[in-house]
C-alpha atoms as a PDB file:
ATOM      1  CA  MET A   1      81.996 159.311 142.926  1.00  0.00           C
ATOM      2  CA  ASP A   2      85.569 158.534 143.848  1.00  0.00           C
ATOM      3  CA  VAL A   3      87.899 156.124 142.049  1.00  0.00           C
ATOM      4  CA  ARG A   4      87.235 153.227 144.430  1.00  0.00           C
ATOM      5  CA  GLU A   5      83.475 153.477 143.946  1.00  0.00           C
ATOM      6  CA  PHE A   6      83.926 153.702 140.178  1.00  0.00           C
ATOM      7  CA  LYS A   7      86.060 150.540 140.167  1.00  0.00           C
ATOM      8  CA  TRP A   8      83.477 148.768 142.329  1.00  0.00           C
ATOM      9  CA  LEU A   9      80.694 149.825 139.942  1.00  0.00           C
ATOM     10  CA  SER A  10      82.733 148.734 136.912  1.00  0.00           C
ATOM     11  CA  ARG A  11      83.402 145.346 138.509  1.00  0.00           C
ATOM     12  CA  GLY A  12      79.686 144.924 139.242  1.00  0.00           C
ATOM     13  CA  MET A  13      78.709 145.838 135.685  1.00  0.00           C
ATOM     14  CA  LYS A  14      81.307 143.416 134.329  1.00  0.00           C
ATOM     15  CA  ILE A  15      79.817 140.588 136.394  1.00  0.00           C
ATOM     16  CA  ILE A  16      76.248 141.498 135.399  1.00  0.00           C
ATOM     17  CA  PHE A  17      77.085 141.442 131.683  1.00  0.00           C
ATOM     18  CA  GLU A  18      78.995 138.164 132.051  1.00  0.00           C
ATOM     19  CA  VAL A  19      75.953 136.558 133.703  1.00  0.00           C
ATOM     20  CA  ILE A  20      73.611 137.946 131.034  1.00  0.00           C
ATOM     21  CA  GLY A  21      75.947 136.628 128.332  1.00  0.00           C
ATOM     22  CA  ILE A  22      75.965 133.153 129.892  1.00  0.00           C
ATOM     23  CA  ILE A  23      72.154 133.130 130.123  1.00  0.00           C
ATOM     24  CA  VAL A  24      71.793 134.197 126.490  1.00  0.00           C
ATOM     25  CA  MET A  25      74.360 131.575 125.435  1.00  0.00           C
ATOM     26  CA  ILE A  26      72.404 128.870 127.286  1.00  0.00           C
ATOM     27  CA  GLN A  27      69.230 129.987 125.522  1.00  0.00           C
ATOM     28  CA  GLY A  28      71.008 129.717 122.162  1.00  0.00           C
ATOM     29  CA  VAL A  29      72.176 126.206 123.005  1.00  0.00           C
ATOM     30  CA  LEU A  30      68.623 125.291 124.036  1.00  0.00           C
ATOM     31  CA  PHE A  31      67.357 126.489 120.644  1.00  0.00           C
ATOM     32  CA  LEU A  32      69.836 124.177 118.929  1.00  0.00           C
ATOM     33  CA  VAL A  33      69.011 121.268 121.244  1.00  0.00           C
ATOM     34  CA  SER A  34      65.306 121.771 120.598  1.00  0.00           C
ATOM     35  CA  LEU A  35      65.901 121.051 116.906  1.00  0.00           C
ATOM     36  CA  PHE A  36      66.767 117.483 117.843  1.00  0.00           C
ATOM     37  CA  VAL A  37      64.677 116.984 120.979  1.00  0.00           C
ATOM     38  CA  GLY A  38      61.523 118.797 119.870  1.00  0.00           C
ATOM     39  CA  GLU A  39      58.804 118.083 122.415  1.00  0.00           C
ATOM     40  CA  GLY A  40      61.210 117.481 125.297  1.00  0.00           C
ATOM     41  CA  LEU A  41      61.785 121.156 126.122  1.00  0.00           C
ATOM     42  CA  PRO A  42      59.262 123.591 127.609  1.00  0.00           C
ATOM     43  CA  SER A  43      57.328 125.566 124.993  1.00  0.00           C
ATOM     44  CA  ILE A  44      59.006 128.833 126.017  1.00  0.00           C
ATOM     45  CA  PHE A  45      62.188 127.514 124.405  1.00  0.00           C
ATOM     46  CA  LEU A  46      60.394 126.308 121.273  1.00  0.00           C
ATOM     47  CA  SER A  47      59.107 129.718 120.187  1.00  0.00           C
ATOM     48  CA  VAL A  48      61.409 131.745 118.003  1.00  0.00           C
ATOM     49  CA  ARG A  49      60.871 135.083 116.374  1.00  0.00           C
ATOM     50  CA  ASP A  50      59.437 135.226 112.865  1.00  0.00           C
ATOM     51  CA  TYR A  51      61.060 138.251 111.267  1.00  0.00           C
ATOM     52  CA  SER A  52      58.983 138.282 108.095  1.00  0.00           C
ATOM     53  CA  LEU A  53      57.153 141.511 107.422  1.00  0.00           C
ATOM     54  CA  GLN A  54      53.853 139.832 106.637  1.00  0.00           C
ATOM     55  CA  ASN A  55      53.716 138.465 110.189  1.00  0.00           C
ATOM     56  CA  VAL A  56      54.642 141.721 111.914  1.00  0.00           C
ATOM     57  CA  ILE A  57      52.411 144.299 110.208  1.00  0.00           C
ATOM     58  CA  GLY A  58      49.674 145.500 112.542  1.00  0.00           C
ATOM     59  CA  SER A  59      51.223 143.908 115.603  1.00  0.00           C
ATOM     60  CA  LEU A  60      53.447 145.491 118.211  1.00  0.00           C
ATOM     61  CA  THR A  61      54.347 142.111 119.693  1.00  0.00           C
ATOM     62  CA  PRO A  62      56.637 139.738 117.790  1.00  0.00           C
ATOM     63  CA  VAL A  63      55.027 136.794 116.058  1.00  0.00           C
ATOM     64  CA  TYR A  64      56.639 133.433 116.744  1.00  0.00           C
ATOM     65  CA  THR A  65      57.137 130.415 114.564  1.00  0.00           C
ATOM     66  CA  ASN A  66      58.478 126.908 115.060  1.00  0.00           C
ATOM     67  CA  ASP A  67      60.235 126.366 111.742  1.00  0.00           C
ATOM     68  CA  PHE A  68      63.757 125.074 111.273  1.00  0.00           C
ATOM     69  CA  VAL A  69      65.144 128.315 109.850  1.00  0.00           C
ATOM     70  CA  GLY A  70      63.686 130.240 112.790  1.00  0.00           C
ATOM     71  CA  PHE A  71      65.498 128.001 115.265  1.00  0.00           C
ATOM     72  CA  ILE A  72      68.805 128.338 113.437  1.00  0.00           C
ATOM     73  CA  THR A  73      68.609 132.126 113.047  1.00  0.00           C
ATOM     74  CA  SER A  74      67.462 132.556 116.654  1.00  0.00           C
ATOM     75  CA  SER A  75      70.405 130.452 117.821  1.00  0.00           C
ATOM     76  CA  VAL A  76      72.818 132.545 115.764  1.00  0.00           C
ATOM     77  CA  GLU A  77      71.216 135.714 117.151  1.00  0.00           C
ATOM     78  CA  LYS A  78      71.604 134.458 120.736  1.00  0.00           C
ATOM     79  CA  PHE A  79      75.261 133.517 120.177  1.00  0.00           C
ATOM     80  CA  LEU A  80      75.933 136.920 118.590  1.00  0.00           C
ATOM     81  CA  LEU A  81      74.306 138.710 121.527  1.00  0.00           C
ATOM     82  CA  ALA A  82      76.259 136.559 124.013  1.00  0.00           C
ATOM     83  CA  TYR A  83      79.466 137.526 122.186  1.00  0.00           C
ATOM     84  CA  THR A  84      78.398 141.177 122.379  1.00  0.00           C
ATOM     85  CA  PHE A  85      77.749 140.909 126.120  1.00  0.00           C
ATOM     86  CA  TYR A  86      81.237 139.388 126.503  1.00  0.00           C
ATOM     87  CA  HIS A  87      82.724 142.461 124.832  1.00  0.00           C
ATOM     88  CA  VAL A  88      80.643 144.768 127.037  1.00  0.00           C
ATOM     89  CA  SER A  89      81.958 142.953 130.123  1.00  0.00           C
ATOM     90  CA  GLN A  90      85.516 143.338 128.789  1.00  0.00           C
ATOM     91  CA  PHE A  91      84.892 147.062 128.335  1.00  0.00           C
ATOM     92  CA  PHE A  92      83.989 147.332 132.024  1.00  0.00           C
ATOM     93  CA  LEU A  93      87.081 145.258 132.849  1.00  0.00           C
ATOM     94  CA  TYR A  94      89.192 147.888 131.050  1.00  0.00           C
ATOM     95  CA  LEU A  95      87.570 150.592 133.168  1.00  0.00           C
ATOM     96  CA  GLU A  96      88.136 148.558 136.327  1.00  0.00           C
ATOM     97  CA  LYS A  97      91.823 148.006 135.499  1.00  0.00           C
ATOM     98  CA  ASP A  98      92.517 151.748 135.086  1.00  0.00           C
ATOM     99  CA  VAL A  99      92.823 151.702 131.310  1.00  0.00           C
ATOM    100  CA  THR A 100      92.426 155.292 130.227  1.00  0.00           C
ATOM    101  CA  PRO A 101      89.094 155.825 128.464  1.00  0.00           C
ATOM    102  CA  PHE A 102      90.864 157.713 125.685  1.00  0.00           C
ATOM    103  CA  SER A 103      92.807 154.787 124.251  1.00  0.00           C
ATOM    104  CA  VAL A 104      92.687 152.946 120.962  1.00  0.00           C
ATOM    105  CA  LYS A 105      91.778 149.764 122.831  1.00  0.00           C
ATOM    106  CA  VAL A 106      88.625 151.326 124.297  1.00  0.00           C
ATOM    107  CA  TYR A 107      87.732 152.857 120.919  1.00  0.00           C
ATOM    108  CA  GLN A 108      88.033 149.481 119.171  1.00  0.00           C
ATOM    109  CA  LYS A 109      86.003 147.723 121.879  1.00  0.00           C
ATOM    110  CA  LEU A 110      83.166 150.273 121.695  1.00  0.00           C
ATOM    111  CA  ARG A 111      83.161 150.163 117.910  1.00  0.00           C
ATOM    112  CA  LYS A 112      82.944 146.366 117.936  1.00  0.00           C
ATOM    113  CA  ILE A 113      80.057 146.441 120.449  1.00  0.00           C
ATOM    114  CA  GLY A 114      78.110 148.974 118.355  1.00  0.00           C
ATOM    115  CA  CYS A 115      78.598 147.023 115.137  1.00  0.00           C
ATOM    116  CA  LEU A 116      77.601 143.730 116.784  1.00  0.00           C
ATOM    117  CA  LEU A 117      74.380 145.243 118.150  1.00  0.00           C
ATOM    118  CA  ILE A 118      73.434 146.622 114.740  1.00  0.00           C
ATOM    119  CA  LEU A 119      74.315 143.307 113.090  1.00  0.00           C
ATOM    120  CA  ALA A 120      72.173 141.373 115.581  1.00  0.00           C
ATOM    121  CA  ASP A 121      69.217 143.670 114.990  1.00  0.00           C
ATOM    122  CA  ILE A 122      69.374 144.039 111.206  1.00  0.00           C
ATOM    123  CA  GLY A 123      71.556 141.207 109.894  1.00  0.00           C
ATOM    124  CA  ILE A 124      69.805 138.242 111.502  1.00  0.00           C
ATOM    125  CA  PRO A 125      66.279 139.217 110.330  1.00  0.00           C
ATOM    126  CA  LEU A 126      67.672 139.918 106.857  1.00  0.00           C
ATOM    127  CA  ILE A 127      69.293 136.471 106.691  1.00  0.00           C
ATOM    128  CA  TYR A 128      66.071 134.885 107.947  1.00  0.00           C
ATOM    129  CA  SER A 129      64.001 136.710 105.327  1.00  0.00           C
ATOM    130  CA  LEU A 130      66.394 135.661 102.562  1.00  0.00           C
ATOM    131  CA  ILE A 131      66.571 131.968 103.547  1.00  0.00           C
ATOM    132  CA  LEU A 132      62.927 131.337 104.495  1.00  0.00           C
ATOM    133  CA  PRO A 133      61.423 131.463 100.971  1.00  0.00           C
ATOM    134  CA  PHE A 134      63.782 128.717  99.800  1.00  0.00           C
ATOM    135  CA  THR A 135      62.974 126.367 102.680  1.00  0.00           C
ATOM    136  CA  THR A 136      59.240 126.815 103.139  1.00  0.00           C
ATOM    137  CA  MET A 137      58.136 128.125  99.747  1.00  0.00           C
ATOM    138  CA  LYS A 138      56.294 130.940 101.530  1.00  0.00           C
ATOM    139  CA  PRO A 139      56.581 134.443 100.065  1.00  0.00           C
ATOM    140  CA  VAL A 140      58.414 136.702 102.480  1.00  0.00           C
ATOM    141  CA  MET A 141      58.912 140.441 102.258  1.00  0.00           C
ATOM    142  CA  ILE A 142      62.204 141.785 103.521  1.00  0.00           C
ATOM    143  CA  ASP A 143      61.773 144.507 106.115  1.00  0.00           C
ATOM    144  CA  LEU A 144      64.635 146.802 107.041  1.00  0.00           C
ATOM    145  CA  VAL A 145      62.468 149.658 108.275  1.00  0.00           C
ATOM    146  CA  MET A 146      61.302 147.930 111.442  1.00  0.00           C
ATOM    147  CA  VAL A 147      64.404 148.038 113.598  1.00  0.00           C
ATOM    148  CA  SER A 148      64.348 147.768 117.337  1.00  0.00           C
ATOM    149  CA  SER A 149      66.121 149.680 120.042  1.00  0.00           C
ATOM    150  CA  LEU A 150      69.270 147.561 119.560  1.00  0.00           C
ATOM    151  CA  THR A 151      70.038 149.462 116.372  1.00  0.00           C
ATOM    152  CA  PHE A 152      69.629 152.815 118.088  1.00  0.00           C
ATOM    153  CA  VAL A 153      71.794 151.700 121.019  1.00  0.00           C
ATOM    154  CA  GLY A 154      74.390 150.446 118.523  1.00  0.00           C
ATOM    155  CA  VAL A 155      74.414 153.781 116.701  1.00  0.00           C
ATOM    156  CA  ILE A 156      74.795 155.676 119.990  1.00  0.00           C
ATOM    157  CA  ILE A 157      77.692 153.412 120.995  1.00  0.00           C
ATOM    158  CA  LEU A 158      79.333 153.953 117.595  1.00  0.00           C
ATOM    159  CA  PHE A 159      78.947 157.700 118.128  1.00  0.00           C
ATOM    160  CA  MET A 160      80.548 157.356 121.583  1.00  0.00           C
ATOM    161  CA  ALA A 161      83.398 155.387 119.989  1.00  0.00           C
ATOM    162  CA  GLU A 162      84.032 158.228 117.547  1.00  0.00           C
ATOM    163  CA  VAL A 163      84.093 160.703 120.453  1.00  0.00           C
ATOM    164  CA  ILE A 164      86.680 158.459 122.152  1.00  0.00           C
ATOM    165  CA  ARG A 165      88.691 158.321 118.910  1.00  0.00           C
ATOM    166  CA  TYR A 166      88.635 162.117 118.747  1.00  0.00           C
ATOM    167  CA  GLY A 167      89.785 162.211 122.387  1.00  0.00           C
ATOM    168  CA  VAL A 168      92.641 159.835 121.527  1.00  0.00           C
ATOM    169  CA  LYS A 169      93.753 162.161 118.726  1.00  0.00           C
ATOM    170  CA  LEU A 170      93.566 165.185 121.035  1.00  0.00           C
ATOM    171  CA  GLN A 171      95.553 163.347 123.689  1.00  0.00           C
ATOM    172  CA  GLU A 172      98.216 162.383 121.128  1.00  0.00           C
ATOM    173  CA  PHE A 173      98.350 166.007 119.928  1.00  0.00           C
ATOM    174  CA  SER A 174      98.680 167.205 123.529  1.00  0.00           C
ATOM    175  CA  ASP A 175     101.452 164.705 124.217  1.00  0.00           C
ATOM    176  CA  ASP A 176     103.295 165.786 121.082  1.00  0.00           C
ATOM    177  CA  ALA A 177     102.941 169.463 121.989  1.00  0.00           C
ATOM    178  CA  VAL A 178     104.420 168.929 125.462  1.00  0.00           C
END
Protein backbone atom coordinates (compact mmCIF):
# COMPACT_ATOMS: atom_id res chain seq x y z
CA MET A 1 0.00 0.00 0.00
CA ASP A 2 1.47 3.32 -1.01
CA VAL A 3 1.10 6.62 0.85
CA ARG A 4 -1.78 7.86 -1.30
CA GLU A 5 -3.82 4.71 -0.69
CA PHE A 6 -3.08 4.90 3.03
CA LYS A 7 -4.30 8.52 3.17
CA TRP A 8 -7.43 7.55 1.23
CA LEU A 9 -8.09 4.67 3.65
CA SER A 10 -7.50 6.93 6.66
CA ARG A 11 -9.90 9.52 5.26
CA GLY A 12 -12.54 6.83 4.70
CA MET A 13 -12.13 5.46 8.23
CA LYS A 14 -12.39 8.99 9.64
CA ILE A 15 -15.68 9.53 7.82
CA ILE A 16 -17.04 6.12 8.89
CA PHE A 17 -16.30 6.79 12.57
CA GLU A 18 -17.78 10.30 12.34
CA VAL A 19 -21.01 8.86 10.92
CA ILE A 20 -21.12 6.13 13.58
CA GLY A 21 -20.56 8.77 16.27
CA ILE A 22 -23.42 10.90 14.94
CA ILE A 23 -25.76 7.88 14.86
CA VAL A 24 -24.85 6.91 18.43
CA MET A 25 -25.31 10.53 19.55
CA ILE A 26 -28.77 10.63 17.96
CA GLN A 27 -29.67 7.41 19.77
CA GLY A 28 -28.56 8.96 23.07
CA VAL A 29 -30.70 12.02 22.41
CA LEU A 30 -33.65 9.75 21.58
CA PHE A 31 -33.21 7.99 24.93
CA LEU A 32 -33.42 11.34 26.70
CA VAL A 33 -36.40 12.47 24.61
CA SER A 34 -38.19 9.21 25.37
CA LEU A 35 -38.12 10.08 29.07
CA PHE A 36 -40.50 12.94 28.34
CA VAL A 37 -42.39 11.60 25.32
CA GLY A 38 -42.77 7.98 26.43
CA GLU A 39 -45.17 6.27 24.05
CA GLY A 40 -44.42 8.58 21.12
CA LEU A 41 -41.22 6.82 20.03
CA PRO A 42 -40.92 3.35 18.49
CA SER A 43 -40.32 0.60 21.04
CA ILE A 44 -36.79 -0.03 19.74
CA PHE A 45 -35.80 3.28 21.31
CA LEU A 46 -37.60 2.56 24.59
CA SER A 47 -35.59 -0.54 25.49
CA VAL A 48 -32.42 0.05 27.45
CA ARG A 49 -29.98 -2.41 28.88
CA ASP A 50 -30.46 -3.67 32.42
CA TYR A 51 -26.96 -4.22 33.76
CA SER A 52 -27.95 -5.92 37.00
CA LEU A 53 -26.44 -9.34 37.53
CA GLN A 54 -29.70 -10.96 38.55
CA ASN A 55 -31.14 -10.21 35.10
CA VAL A 56 -28.13 -11.43 33.13
CA ILE A 57 -27.30 -14.78 34.75
CA GLY A 58 -28.17 -17.66 32.45
CA SER A 59 -28.73 -15.44 29.44
CA LEU A 60 -26.33 -14.60 26.65
CA THR A 61 -28.58 -11.83 25.36
CA PRO A 62 -28.94 -8.59 27.32
CA VAL A 63 -32.12 -8.10 29.31
CA TYR A 64 -33.87 -4.78 28.78
CA THR A 65 -35.80 -2.58 31.13
CA ASN A 66 -37.81 0.61 30.81
CA ASP A 67 -36.93 2.31 34.09
CA PHE A 68 -35.79 5.89 34.51
CA VAL A 69 -32.28 5.03 35.66
CA GLY A 70 -31.85 2.73 32.66
CA PHE A 71 -32.72 5.54 30.27
CA ILE A 72 -30.32 7.96 31.94
CA THR A 73 -27.40 5.51 32.09
CA SER A 74 -28.03 4.37 28.51
CA SER A 75 -28.01 7.99 27.37
CA VAL A 76 -24.74 8.63 29.19
CA GLU A 77 -23.29 5.45 27.66
CA LYS A 78 -24.32 6.55 24.15
CA PHE A 79 -22.82 10.03 24.63
CA LEU A 80 -19.60 8.49 25.97
CA LEU A 81 -19.38 6.14 22.98
CA ALA A 82 -20.10 9.02 20.57
CA TYR A 83 -17.25 10.97 22.20
CA THR A 84 -15.02 7.92 21.81
CA PHE A 85 -15.90 7.59 18.13
CA TYR A 86 -15.03 11.30 17.71
CA HIS A 87 -11.57 10.61 19.12
CA VAL A 88 -11.16 7.57 16.85
CA SER A 89 -12.04 9.75 13.84
CA GLN A 90 -9.49 12.34 15.01
CA PHE A 91 -6.87 9.58 15.24
CA PHE A 92 -7.48 8.73 11.58
CA LEU A 93 -7.33 12.46 10.77
CA TYR A 94 -3.83 12.53 12.31
CA LEU A 95 -2.82 9.63 10.09
CA GLU A 96 -4.33 11.33 7.05
CA LYS A 97 -2.48 14.60 7.77
CA ASP A 98 0.94 12.88 7.91
CA VAL A 99 1.37 13.12 11.66
CA THR A 100 4.06 10.63 12.52
CA PRO A 101 2.61 7.63 14.37
CA PHE A 102 5.38 7.88 16.95
CA SER A 103 4.34 11.18 18.50
CA VAL A 104 3.06 12.17 21.90
CA LYS A 105 -0.16 13.39 20.28
CA VAL A 106 -0.93 9.94 18.84
CA TYR A 107 0.00 8.28 22.14
CA GLN A 108 -2.37 10.54 24.10
CA LYS A 109 -5.19 10.01 21.59
CA LEU A 110 -4.87 6.21 21.72
CA ARG A 111 -4.67 6.24 25.50
CA LYS A 112 -7.82 8.36 25.73
CA ILE A 113 -9.69 6.04 23.33
CA GLY A 114 -8.70 2.94 25.33
CA CYS A 115 -9.71 4.48 28.64
CA LEU A 116 -13.05 5.69 27.26
CA LEU A 117 -13.89 2.22 25.92
CA ILE A 118 -13.11 0.60 29.27
CA LEU A 119 -15.09 3.29 31.09
CA ALA A 120 -18.10 2.78 28.82
CA ASP A 121 -18.02 -0.97 29.37
CA ILE A 122 -17.34 -1.10 33.12
CA GLY A 123 -18.18 2.34 34.53
CA ILE A 124 -21.71 2.75 33.18
CA PRO A 125 -22.97 -0.66 34.42
CA LEU A 126 -21.32 0.00 37.79
CA ILE A 127 -23.06 3.37 38.12
CA TYR A 128 -26.36 1.77 37.09
CA SER A 129 -25.96 -1.00 39.66
CA LEU A 130 -25.14 1.52 42.40
CA ILE A 131 -28.04 3.90 41.65
CA LEU A 132 -30.81 1.38 40.89
CA PRO A 133 -31.35 0.08 44.45
CA PHE A 134 -32.02 3.61 45.71
CA THR A 135 -34.59 4.41 43.02
CA THR A 136 -36.52 1.17 42.68
CA MET A 137 -35.89 -0.53 46.02
CA LYS A 138 -34.91 -3.68 44.13
CA PRO A 139 -31.84 -5.59 45.35
CA VAL A 140 -29.12 -5.47 42.72
CA MET A 141 -25.84 -7.34 42.68
CA ILE A 142 -22.88 -5.52 41.20
CA ASP A 143 -21.18 -7.48 38.45
CA LEU A 144 -17.70 -6.58 37.27
CA VAL A 145 -16.83 -10.02 35.94
CA MET A 146 -19.14 -9.88 32.94
CA VAL A 147 -17.35 -7.46 30.66
CA SER A 148 -17.88 -7.30 26.95
CA SER A 149 -15.50 -7.02 24.06
CA LEU A 150 -15.24 -3.24 24.56
CA THR A 151 -13.03 -3.80 27.58
CA PHE A 152 -10.74 -6.14 25.67
CA VAL A 153 -10.54 -3.72 22.74
CA GLY A 154 -9.78 -0.91 25.21
CA VAL A 155 -6.98 -2.93 26.80
CA ILE A 156 -5.50 -3.74 23.39
CA ILE A 157 -5.62 -0.05 22.42
CA LEU A 158 -3.95 0.89 25.71
CA PHE A 159 -1.25 -1.67 24.95
CA MET A 160 -0.81 -0.16 21.47
CA ALA A 161 -0.54 3.29 23.07
CA GLU A 162 2.29 2.05 25.30
CA VAL A 163 4.07 0.63 22.24
CA ILE A 164 3.72 4.06 20.59
CA ARG A 165 5.07 5.72 23.75
CA TYR A 166 8.06 3.38 23.67
CA GLY A 167 8.55 4.27 19.99
CA VAL A 168 8.46 7.97 20.89
CA LYS A 169 11.18 7.43 23.49
CA LEU A 170 13.30 5.47 21.00
CA GLN A 171 12.84 8.19 18.39
CA GLU A 172 13.87 10.87 20.91
CA PHE A 173 16.92 8.77 21.86
CA SER A 174 17.80 8.34 18.18
CA ASP A 175 17.43 12.07 17.55
CA ASP A 176 19.64 12.86 20.53
CA ALA A 177 22.28 10.36 19.40
CA VAL A 178 22.48 11.89 15.92
